[in-house]
Protein backbone atom coordinates (compact mmCIF):
# COMPACT_ATOMS: atom_id res chain seq x y z
CA UNK A 1 -41.63 -176.91 -58.85
CA UNK A 2 -42.68 -175.64 -62.29
CA UNK A 3 -43.53 -171.98 -62.34
CA UNK A 4 -44.57 -169.39 -64.92
CA UNK A 5 -43.00 -166.24 -63.29
CA UNK A 6 -39.59 -165.43 -62.01
CA UNK A 7 -38.64 -165.95 -58.43
CA UNK A 8 -37.29 -162.43 -58.50
CA UNK A 9 -40.32 -160.32 -57.55
CA UNK A 10 -38.87 -157.24 -59.22
CA UNK A 11 -38.98 -159.11 -62.57
CA UNK A 12 -42.27 -161.07 -61.98
CA UNK A 13 -44.49 -157.99 -61.58
CA UNK A 14 -43.08 -156.38 -64.72
CA UNK A 15 -43.75 -159.53 -66.74
CA UNK A 16 -47.28 -159.55 -65.47
CA UNK A 17 -47.76 -155.92 -66.46
CA UNK A 18 -46.33 -156.70 -69.89
CA UNK A 19 -48.99 -159.41 -70.24
CA UNK A 20 -51.75 -157.10 -69.17
CA UNK A 21 -50.72 -154.33 -71.54
CA UNK A 22 -50.23 -156.65 -74.55
CA UNK A 23 -53.94 -156.91 -75.58
CA UNK A 24 -54.27 -153.13 -75.10
CA UNK A 25 -51.54 -152.22 -77.63
CA UNK A 26 -52.98 -154.88 -79.95
CA UNK A 27 -56.40 -153.25 -79.70
CA UNK A 28 -54.88 -149.86 -80.48
CA UNK A 29 -53.28 -151.31 -83.61
CA UNK A 30 -56.42 -153.19 -84.61
CA UNK A 31 -58.53 -150.03 -84.41
CA UNK A 32 -56.12 -148.20 -86.66
CA UNK A 33 -56.17 -151.07 -89.19
CA UNK A 34 -59.96 -151.50 -89.24
CA UNK A 35 -60.62 -147.74 -89.54
CA UNK A 36 -57.99 -147.22 -92.19
CA UNK A 37 -56.55 -144.33 -90.21
CA UNK A 38 -52.99 -145.63 -90.95
CA UNK A 39 -53.35 -144.45 -94.51
CA UNK A 40 -55.18 -141.20 -93.79
CA UNK A 41 -53.49 -139.62 -90.75
CA UNK A 42 -50.71 -137.03 -91.14
CA UNK A 43 -47.06 -137.75 -90.33
CA UNK A 44 -47.46 -136.09 -86.92
CA UNK A 45 -50.64 -138.00 -86.04
CA UNK A 46 -48.96 -141.31 -86.93
CA UNK A 47 -45.94 -140.43 -84.79
CA UNK A 48 -48.21 -139.54 -81.85
CA UNK A 49 -50.09 -142.85 -82.21
CA UNK A 50 -46.81 -144.83 -82.38
CA UNK A 51 -45.38 -143.10 -79.31
CA UNK A 52 -48.68 -143.52 -77.43
CA UNK A 53 -48.51 -147.24 -78.12
CA UNK A 54 -44.93 -147.64 -76.82
CA UNK A 55 -44.90 -145.04 -73.99
CA UNK A 56 -46.93 -147.02 -71.42
CA UNK A 57 -44.37 -149.79 -71.53
CA UNK A 58 -41.92 -147.33 -69.91
CA UNK A 59 -44.19 -144.86 -68.15
CA UNK A 60 -46.49 -147.23 -66.24
CA UNK A 61 -43.78 -149.30 -64.65
CA UNK A 62 -41.83 -146.19 -63.79
CA UNK A 63 -44.87 -144.68 -62.02
CA UNK A 64 -45.96 -147.75 -60.08
CA UNK A 65 -42.62 -149.37 -59.38
CA UNK A 66 -42.50 -147.76 -55.88
CA UNK A 67 -45.55 -149.75 -54.88
CA UNK A 68 -44.33 -153.02 -56.25
CA UNK A 69 -40.60 -153.19 -55.34
CA UNK A 70 -37.97 -151.56 -53.20
CA UNK A 71 -35.33 -151.89 -55.87
CA UNK A 72 -33.85 -148.51 -56.87
CA UNK A 73 -35.13 -147.25 -60.23
CA UNK A 74 -31.65 -147.39 -61.87
CA UNK A 75 -31.32 -151.11 -60.89
CA UNK A 76 -34.88 -152.08 -61.67
CA UNK A 77 -35.94 -154.76 -64.15
CA UNK A 78 -38.47 -152.56 -65.86
CA UNK A 79 -35.67 -150.14 -66.89
CA UNK A 80 -33.34 -152.94 -68.07
CA UNK A 81 -36.07 -154.64 -70.04
CA UNK A 82 -36.95 -151.43 -71.79
CA UNK A 83 -33.29 -150.59 -72.47
CA UNK A 84 -32.78 -154.04 -74.00
CA UNK A 85 -35.96 -153.84 -76.14
CA UNK A 86 -35.12 -150.32 -77.30
CA UNK A 87 -31.64 -151.37 -78.57
CA UNK A 88 -32.84 -154.57 -80.16
CA UNK A 89 -35.86 -152.87 -81.74
CA UNK A 90 -33.56 -150.19 -83.15
CA UNK A 91 -31.41 -152.82 -84.77
CA UNK A 92 -34.39 -154.66 -86.09
CA UNK A 93 -35.64 -151.55 -87.90
CA UNK A 94 -32.47 -149.77 -88.84
CA UNK A 95 -30.62 -152.82 -90.22
CA UNK A 96 -32.96 -155.76 -90.16
CA UNK A 97 -35.69 -154.11 -92.18
CA UNK A 98 -33.37 -153.98 -95.19
CA UNK A 99 -33.28 -157.80 -95.22
CA UNK A 100 -37.04 -157.84 -94.97
CA UNK A 101 -37.32 -155.49 -98.02
CA UNK A 102 -34.71 -157.15 -100.24
CA UNK A 103 -34.84 -160.79 -99.15
CA UNK A 104 -38.31 -161.39 -97.75
CA UNK A 105 -40.29 -159.17 -100.07
CA UNK A 106 -41.70 -156.83 -97.52
CA UNK A 107 -43.25 -153.66 -98.91
CA UNK A 108 -44.05 -150.42 -96.98
CA UNK A 109 -46.27 -147.84 -98.68
CA UNK A 110 -46.81 -144.87 -96.38
CA UNK A 111 -46.97 -141.74 -98.50
CA UNK A 112 -48.47 -139.88 -95.44
CA UNK A 113 -45.40 -140.66 -93.33
CA UNK A 114 -42.37 -138.54 -94.11
CA UNK A 115 -40.11 -139.18 -91.06
CA UNK A 116 -37.89 -142.10 -91.86
CA UNK A 117 -34.76 -143.60 -90.49
CA UNK A 118 -32.75 -146.55 -91.88
CA UNK A 119 -29.28 -147.76 -92.82
CA UNK A 120 -27.21 -145.90 -95.32
CA UNK A 121 -25.12 -148.81 -96.67
CA UNK A 122 -27.15 -151.91 -95.88
CA UNK A 123 -29.75 -152.95 -98.43
CA UNK A 124 -30.70 -151.68 -101.83
CA UNK A 125 -32.09 -148.40 -100.41
CA UNK A 126 -35.26 -148.67 -102.56
CA UNK A 127 -37.46 -148.42 -99.51
CA UNK A 128 -37.38 -146.35 -96.33
CA UNK A 129 -38.22 -147.31 -92.75
CA UNK A 130 -40.86 -145.03 -91.23
CA UNK A 131 -39.84 -143.84 -87.75
CA UNK A 132 -43.20 -144.97 -86.39
CA UNK A 133 -42.08 -148.63 -86.80
CA UNK A 134 -39.39 -148.19 -84.14
CA UNK A 135 -42.07 -147.49 -81.53
CA UNK A 136 -44.49 -150.18 -82.74
CA UNK A 137 -41.64 -152.76 -82.74
CA UNK A 138 -40.89 -151.91 -79.09
CA UNK A 139 -44.43 -152.96 -78.24
CA UNK A 140 -44.33 -156.06 -80.42
CA UNK A 141 -40.96 -157.22 -79.06
CA UNK A 142 -42.08 -156.53 -75.50
CA UNK A 143 -44.89 -159.05 -75.86
CA UNK A 144 -42.85 -161.63 -77.74
CA UNK A 145 -40.00 -161.55 -75.18
CA UNK A 146 -42.26 -161.56 -72.13
CA UNK A 147 -44.28 -164.50 -73.31
CA UNK A 148 -41.21 -166.37 -74.33
CA UNK A 149 -39.76 -165.80 -70.88
CA UNK A 150 -42.82 -167.18 -69.25
CA UNK A 151 -43.14 -170.26 -71.45
CA UNK A 152 -39.41 -171.03 -71.35
CA UNK A 153 -39.41 -170.68 -67.53
CA UNK A 154 -42.33 -173.03 -67.21
CA UNK A 155 -40.67 -175.61 -69.41
CA UNK A 156 -37.31 -175.12 -67.74
CA UNK A 157 -38.62 -175.54 -64.24
CA UNK A 158 -40.70 -178.57 -65.19
CA UNK A 159 -37.53 -180.72 -64.94
CA UNK A 160 -37.99 -182.31 -68.33
CA UNK A 161 -35.31 -184.83 -69.28
CA UNK A 162 -32.73 -183.45 -71.73
CA UNK A 163 -33.69 -179.85 -71.11
CA UNK A 164 -30.39 -178.49 -72.25
CA UNK A 165 -30.99 -180.08 -75.66
CA UNK A 166 -34.65 -179.18 -75.69
CA UNK A 167 -34.17 -175.50 -74.72
CA UNK A 168 -32.92 -174.31 -78.20
CA UNK A 169 -35.74 -176.20 -79.83
CA UNK A 170 -38.26 -174.52 -77.59
CA UNK A 171 -36.64 -171.15 -78.40
CA UNK A 172 -37.05 -171.76 -82.14
CA UNK A 173 -40.66 -172.99 -81.79
CA UNK A 174 -41.72 -169.93 -79.81
CA UNK A 175 -39.85 -167.58 -82.06
CA UNK A 176 -41.30 -169.15 -85.24
CA UNK A 177 -44.79 -169.08 -83.74
CA UNK A 178 -44.55 -165.33 -83.09
CA UNK A 179 -42.96 -164.60 -86.43
CA UNK A 180 -45.74 -166.52 -88.25
CA UNK A 181 -48.53 -164.89 -86.31
CA UNK A 182 -47.21 -161.41 -86.79
CA UNK A 183 -46.78 -162.06 -90.55
CA UNK A 184 -50.25 -163.42 -90.87
CA UNK A 185 -51.87 -160.73 -88.77
CA UNK A 186 -50.13 -157.70 -90.31
CA UNK A 187 -50.22 -158.64 -93.94
CA UNK A 188 -54.00 -158.68 -94.38
CA UNK A 189 -56.25 -157.05 -97.03
CA UNK A 190 -57.19 -154.21 -94.72
CA UNK A 191 -53.75 -152.72 -94.88
CA UNK A 192 -52.56 -154.23 -98.14
CA UNK A 193 -52.12 -150.68 -99.60
CA UNK A 194 -49.68 -149.82 -96.83
CA UNK A 195 -48.02 -153.08 -95.94
CA UNK A 196 -47.73 -156.41 -97.71
CA UNK A 197 -45.38 -159.25 -98.80
CA UNK A 198 -44.76 -159.93 -102.48
CA UNK A 199 -45.22 -163.70 -101.86
CA UNK A 200 -47.27 -164.29 -98.80
CA UNK A 201 -47.31 -168.10 -99.05
CA UNK A 202 -43.52 -168.31 -99.18
CA UNK A 203 -43.11 -165.68 -96.52
CA UNK A 204 -45.28 -167.62 -94.07
CA UNK A 205 -43.52 -170.94 -94.86
CA UNK A 206 -39.88 -169.83 -95.14
CA UNK A 207 -39.76 -166.17 -94.30
CA UNK A 208 -41.16 -166.72 -90.82
CA UNK A 209 -38.25 -169.09 -90.04
CA UNK A 210 -35.82 -166.34 -91.17
CA UNK A 211 -37.68 -163.81 -89.03
CA UNK A 212 -37.45 -166.21 -86.18
CA UNK A 213 -33.66 -165.77 -86.27
CA UNK A 214 -34.26 -162.52 -84.38
CA UNK A 215 -35.69 -164.47 -81.50
CA UNK A 216 -33.29 -167.41 -81.71
CA UNK A 217 -30.55 -164.86 -80.97
CA UNK A 218 -32.46 -162.74 -78.50
CA UNK A 219 -34.74 -164.89 -76.33
CA UNK A 220 -32.00 -166.79 -74.51
CA UNK A 221 -30.13 -163.59 -73.64
CA UNK A 222 -33.19 -161.59 -72.57
CA UNK A 223 -34.43 -164.55 -70.51
CA UNK A 224 -31.48 -164.32 -68.07
CA UNK A 225 -31.72 -160.62 -67.29
CA UNK A 226 -32.30 -160.42 -63.51
CA UNK A 227 -33.68 -164.00 -63.49
CA UNK A 228 -31.99 -164.42 -60.18
CA UNK A 229 -32.22 -161.86 -57.38
CA UNK A 230 -28.59 -162.72 -56.47
CA UNK A 231 -27.25 -162.09 -59.95
CA UNK A 232 -28.74 -158.87 -61.19
CA UNK A 233 -27.48 -157.38 -64.46
CA UNK A 234 -26.15 -153.88 -64.69
CA UNK A 235 -27.38 -151.43 -67.32
CA UNK A 236 -24.08 -151.88 -69.17
CA UNK A 237 -24.50 -155.74 -69.20
CA UNK A 238 -28.05 -155.30 -70.38
CA UNK A 239 -27.02 -153.02 -73.25
CA UNK A 240 -24.16 -155.45 -74.10
CA UNK A 241 -26.66 -158.28 -74.18
CA UNK A 242 -28.97 -156.45 -76.56
CA UNK A 243 -26.09 -155.46 -78.81
CA UNK A 244 -24.80 -159.07 -78.83
CA UNK A 245 -28.32 -160.33 -79.75
CA UNK A 246 -28.43 -157.70 -82.55
CA UNK A 247 -25.05 -158.79 -84.00
CA UNK A 248 -26.00 -162.50 -83.81
CA UNK A 249 -29.21 -161.69 -85.67
CA UNK A 250 -27.20 -159.75 -88.30
CA UNK A 251 -25.07 -162.87 -88.91
CA UNK A 252 -28.06 -165.19 -89.02
CA UNK A 253 -30.00 -162.97 -91.44
CA UNK A 254 -27.03 -162.77 -93.75
CA UNK A 255 -26.38 -166.55 -93.54
CA UNK A 256 -30.05 -167.16 -94.29
CA UNK A 257 -29.83 -164.89 -97.33
CA UNK A 258 -26.98 -167.06 -98.70
CA UNK A 259 -29.18 -170.01 -98.18
CA UNK A 260 -32.58 -168.95 -99.63
CA UNK A 261 -31.70 -165.93 -101.75
CA UNK A 262 -34.73 -163.59 -102.30
CA UNK A 263 -38.26 -164.94 -101.68
């Protein structure tokens, strides 16, 4: 029977929480964009906001898990999901942002943000990655991965003919959809002074497909974390999965650069 949520109750309730929290972090971001606070707040205030956006993804499941599951905290899905997302988000910012700067034409302008962290040898080094992006990305990727799990599960349990061939196509479509929507939502006139793409039309058409390589590499791995109650992943396996997705993304980004050059 087709289903939206995992048969593993320890995973199902966490995915439901992720869905509930998604519009809340989006609202927090929207308020900052509409008010222009992102260009006015101090470095410390921006860090507090970023941490406040990401912290509930860890803190709320940690606090309510005892009422939802009898799984020990160190074996719980909420911890593994956050570990995976933290590692993959770190890669996406520390290394992946350099491709966005130099290949996809992304521009960050945050003179009020002085705490930065990015790769020393990858990329031209002309731009820095604000530390706040690591926390915001954790929230973004939480929503993207949770919704991908739910849609892929629904399609996978619908017993469609040729599902093994259709699965990678579905992964790309979902990944491209999120990449396109994020690009369109974030690069808007309200925050153009802080964040924009040099060529928005080409970024939406081609850059979104390159951004989708993150999810082509990651969605299939993340999907299987604790999908079965009988085959739970360890924390080491989860970390290995996130690192594998990161390395696959690294290859795909570099291959895409050979193909399209700089947008």
